[in-house]
Amino acid sequence: MAVFAGTALLLAMAGIYGVMAYAVTRRTGEFGIRIALGASGGNILRLVLGQGIVTALIGVGIGLPARWRSPGH
């Protein structure tokens, strides 16, 4: 059971990394414009991390109720 849980955790981490990498790649131009208009690197980092936290919380919000409704629990 621990091996499957560990594998699931690694897959989830890889998935979140992939989604965040894709989102940052898509928004690189926007970040450049923000920096040109005076945003600091910290502001850009906060923007990206905030989006990542929201993505993770949405996943937890969907996953926990799904876990509690599963027949094995």
N, C-alpha and C. Protein backbone atom coordinates (compact mmCIF):
# COMPACT_ATOMS: atom_id res chain seq x y z
N MET A 1 0.83 -1.18 0.00
CA MET A 1 0.00 0.00 0.00
C MET A 1 0.88 1.25 0.00
N ALA A 2 1.96 1.22 0.78
CA ALA A 2 2.85 2.39 0.86
C ALA A 2 3.52 2.67 -0.49
N VAL A 3 3.84 1.62 -1.23
CA VAL A 3 4.46 1.80 -2.54
C VAL A 3 3.48 2.49 -3.49
N PHE A 4 2.23 2.06 -3.48
CA PHE A 4 1.23 2.69 -4.34
C PHE A 4 0.98 4.14 -3.92
N ALA A 5 0.94 4.40 -2.62
CA ALA A 5 0.76 5.77 -2.14
C ALA A 5 1.93 6.65 -2.56
N GLY A 6 3.14 6.12 -2.43
CA GLY A 6 4.32 6.88 -2.85
C GLY A 6 4.32 7.15 -4.34
N THR A 7 3.93 6.16 -5.11
CA THR A 7 3.84 6.34 -6.57
C THR A 7 2.80 7.39 -6.92
N ALA A 8 1.66 7.35 -6.25
CA ALA A 8 0.61 8.34 -6.49
C ALA A 8 1.10 9.74 -6.15
N LEU A 9 1.83 9.86 -5.05
CA LEU A 9 2.37 11.16 -4.66
C LEU A 9 3.35 11.67 -5.71
N LEU A 10 4.23 10.81 -6.19
CA LEU A 10 5.19 11.23 -7.22
C LEU A 10 4.49 11.64 -8.51
N LEU A 11 3.45 10.90 -8.89
CA LEU A 11 2.70 11.26 -10.09
C LEU A 11 1.99 12.60 -9.92
N ALA A 12 1.45 12.83 -8.75
CA ALA A 12 0.77 14.10 -8.49
C ALA A 12 1.77 15.26 -8.55
N MET A 13 2.94 15.06 -7.95
CA MET A 13 3.96 16.11 -7.98
C MET A 13 4.41 16.39 -9.40
N ALA A 14 4.60 15.34 -10.19
CA ALA A 14 5.01 15.52 -11.58
C ALA A 14 3.92 16.23 -12.38
N GLY A 15 2.67 15.91 -12.10
CA GLY A 15 1.56 16.56 -12.78
C GLY A 15 1.46 18.04 -12.46
N ILE A 16 1.60 18.38 -11.20
CA ILE A 16 1.55 19.80 -10.80
C ILE A 16 2.73 20.55 -11.41
N TYR A 17 3.91 19.93 -11.40
CA TYR A 17 5.08 20.55 -12.03
C TYR A 17 4.82 20.80 -13.51
N GLY A 18 4.27 19.83 -14.20
CA GLY A 18 4.00 19.96 -15.62
C GLY A 18 3.00 21.07 -15.92
N VAL A 19 1.94 21.13 -15.14
CA VAL A 19 0.92 22.17 -15.34
C VAL A 19 1.52 23.55 -15.08
N MET A 20 2.32 23.66 -14.03
CA MET A 20 2.94 24.96 -13.71
C MET A 20 3.95 25.36 -14.78
N ALA A 21 4.76 24.41 -15.25
CA ALA A 21 5.73 24.72 -16.31
C ALA A 21 5.02 25.19 -17.58
N TYR A 22 3.93 24.54 -17.91
CA TYR A 22 3.15 24.93 -19.08
C TYR A 22 2.57 26.33 -18.91
N ALA A 23 2.02 26.60 -17.73
CA ALA A 23 1.41 27.91 -17.47
C ALA A 23 2.45 29.02 -17.52
N VAL A 24 3.61 28.78 -16.95
CA VAL A 24 4.66 29.80 -16.96
C VAL A 24 5.16 30.03 -18.38
N THR A 25 5.31 28.96 -19.15
CA THR A 25 5.76 29.10 -20.54
C THR A 25 4.76 29.92 -21.34
N ARG A 26 3.50 29.67 -21.12
CA ARG A 26 2.46 30.42 -21.85
C ARG A 26 2.43 31.89 -21.47
N ARG A 27 2.86 32.22 -20.24
CA ARG A 27 2.75 33.60 -19.74
C ARG A 27 4.08 34.34 -19.75
N THR A 28 5.10 33.81 -20.40
CA THR A 28 6.42 34.45 -20.40
C THR A 28 6.35 35.87 -20.97
N GLY A 29 5.61 36.05 -22.03
CA GLY A 29 5.46 37.39 -22.61
C GLY A 29 4.80 38.36 -21.64
N GLU A 30 3.78 37.88 -20.95
CA GLU A 30 3.10 38.71 -19.95
C GLU A 30 4.07 39.11 -18.84
N PHE A 31 4.89 38.17 -18.41
CA PHE A 31 5.85 38.48 -17.34
C PHE A 31 6.85 39.52 -17.82
N GLY A 32 7.28 39.42 -19.07
CA GLY A 32 8.20 40.41 -19.62
C GLY A 32 7.59 41.80 -19.63
N ILE A 33 6.33 41.89 -20.01
CA ILE A 33 5.64 43.19 -20.02
C ILE A 33 5.51 43.73 -18.61
N ARG A 34 5.16 42.86 -17.67
CA ARG A 34 5.04 43.30 -16.27
C ARG A 34 6.37 43.83 -15.74
N ILE A 35 7.46 43.15 -16.07
CA ILE A 35 8.78 43.60 -15.62
C ILE A 35 9.12 44.93 -16.29
N ALA A 36 8.80 45.06 -17.58
CA ALA A 36 9.07 46.31 -18.29
C ALA A 36 8.28 47.48 -17.69
N LEU A 37 7.12 47.18 -17.14
CA LEU A 37 6.30 48.24 -16.53
C LEU A 37 6.65 48.48 -15.07
N GLY A 38 7.63 47.74 -14.54
CA GLY A 38 8.11 48.04 -13.20
C GLY A 38 7.89 46.97 -12.15
N ALA A 39 7.34 45.83 -12.52
CA ALA A 39 7.14 44.78 -11.53
C ALA A 39 8.50 44.18 -11.16
N SER A 40 8.67 43.84 -9.90
CA SER A 40 9.92 43.22 -9.47
C SER A 40 9.86 41.71 -9.70
N GLY A 41 11.03 41.09 -9.60
CA GLY A 41 11.08 39.63 -9.72
C GLY A 41 10.27 38.96 -8.63
N GLY A 42 10.25 39.57 -7.44
CA GLY A 42 9.46 39.03 -6.33
C GLY A 42 7.97 39.04 -6.63
N ASN A 43 7.52 40.08 -7.31
CA ASN A 43 6.10 40.15 -7.67
C ASN A 43 5.74 39.05 -8.66
N ILE A 44 6.61 38.82 -9.62
CA ILE A 44 6.37 37.76 -10.61
C ILE A 44 6.37 36.40 -9.92
N LEU A 45 7.35 36.19 -9.02
CA LEU A 45 7.42 34.93 -8.29
C LEU A 45 6.16 34.71 -7.47
N ARG A 46 5.69 35.76 -6.79
CA ARG A 46 4.47 35.66 -5.99
C ARG A 46 3.27 35.31 -6.87
N LEU A 47 3.22 35.89 -8.06
CA LEU A 47 2.13 35.60 -9.00
C LEU A 47 2.13 34.13 -9.40
N VAL A 48 3.31 33.60 -9.73
CA VAL A 48 3.43 32.21 -10.16
C VAL A 48 3.13 31.26 -9.01
N LEU A 49 3.72 31.53 -7.84
CA LEU A 49 3.48 30.65 -6.69
C LEU A 49 2.02 30.69 -6.25
N GLY A 50 1.40 31.86 -6.32
CA GLY A 50 -0.02 31.96 -5.98
C GLY A 50 -0.87 31.11 -6.89
N GLN A 51 -0.53 31.12 -8.18
CA GLN A 51 -1.27 30.28 -9.13
C GLN A 51 -1.05 28.80 -8.81
N GLY A 52 0.17 28.44 -8.45
CA GLY A 52 0.47 27.05 -8.10
C GLY A 52 -0.28 26.60 -6.87
N ILE A 53 -0.37 27.46 -5.88
CA ILE A 53 -1.08 27.12 -4.64
C ILE A 53 -2.57 26.94 -4.94
N VAL A 54 -3.12 27.81 -5.75
CA VAL A 54 -4.53 27.69 -6.11
C VAL A 54 -4.77 26.38 -6.85
N THR A 55 -3.88 26.03 -7.78
CA THR A 55 -4.01 24.77 -8.51
C THR A 55 -3.97 23.57 -7.56
N ALA A 56 -3.02 23.60 -6.62
CA ALA A 56 -2.90 22.49 -5.67
C ALA A 56 -4.13 22.41 -4.76
N LEU A 57 -4.63 23.55 -4.32
CA LEU A 57 -5.81 23.54 -3.45
C LEU A 57 -7.06 23.04 -4.18
N ILE A 58 -7.16 23.37 -5.44
CA ILE A 58 -8.28 22.83 -6.22
C ILE A 58 -8.19 21.32 -6.30
N GLY A 59 -6.98 20.79 -6.53
CA GLY A 59 -6.78 19.35 -6.56
C GLY A 59 -7.11 18.69 -5.24
N VAL A 60 -6.69 19.30 -4.15
CA VAL A 60 -7.01 18.77 -2.81
C VAL A 60 -8.51 18.85 -2.57
N GLY A 61 -9.12 19.95 -2.99
CA GLY A 61 -10.56 20.12 -2.80
C GLY A 61 -11.38 19.09 -3.56
N ILE A 62 -10.88 18.65 -4.69
CA ILE A 62 -11.57 17.61 -5.45
C ILE A 62 -11.21 16.22 -4.93
N GLY A 63 -9.94 16.04 -4.57
CA GLY A 63 -9.45 14.72 -4.19
C GLY A 63 -9.95 14.23 -2.84
N LEU A 64 -9.98 15.11 -1.85
CA LEU A 64 -10.40 14.67 -0.51
C LEU A 64 -11.85 14.20 -0.46
N PRO A 65 -12.78 14.98 -0.99
CA PRO A 65 -14.16 14.46 -1.00
C PRO A 65 -14.31 13.17 -1.81
N ALA A 66 -13.54 13.06 -2.90
CA ALA A 66 -13.60 11.83 -3.69
C ALA A 66 -13.07 10.65 -2.87
N ARG A 67 -12.06 10.89 -2.08
CA ARG A 67 -11.49 9.83 -1.23
C ARG A 67 -12.50 9.41 -0.17
N TRP A 68 -13.17 10.36 0.44
CA TRP A 68 -14.12 10.04 1.49
C TRP A 68 -15.35 9.32 0.95
N ARG A 69 -15.65 9.50 -0.30
CA ARG A 69 -16.81 8.84 -0.91
C ARG A 69 -16.46 7.47 -1.47
N SER A 70 -15.17 7.12 -1.48
CA SER A 70 -14.78 5.85 -2.09
C SER A 70 -15.31 4.68 -1.25
N PRO A 71 -15.64 3.57 -1.90
CA PRO A 71 -16.24 2.43 -1.20
C PRO A 71 -15.32 1.79 -0.17
N GLY A 72 -14.00 1.91 -0.33
CA GLY A 72 -13.08 1.25 0.58
C GLY A 72 -12.90 1.97 1.90
N HIS A 73 -13.46 3.13 2.05
CA HIS A 73 -13.23 3.91 3.27
C HIS A 73 -14.25 3.68 4.32
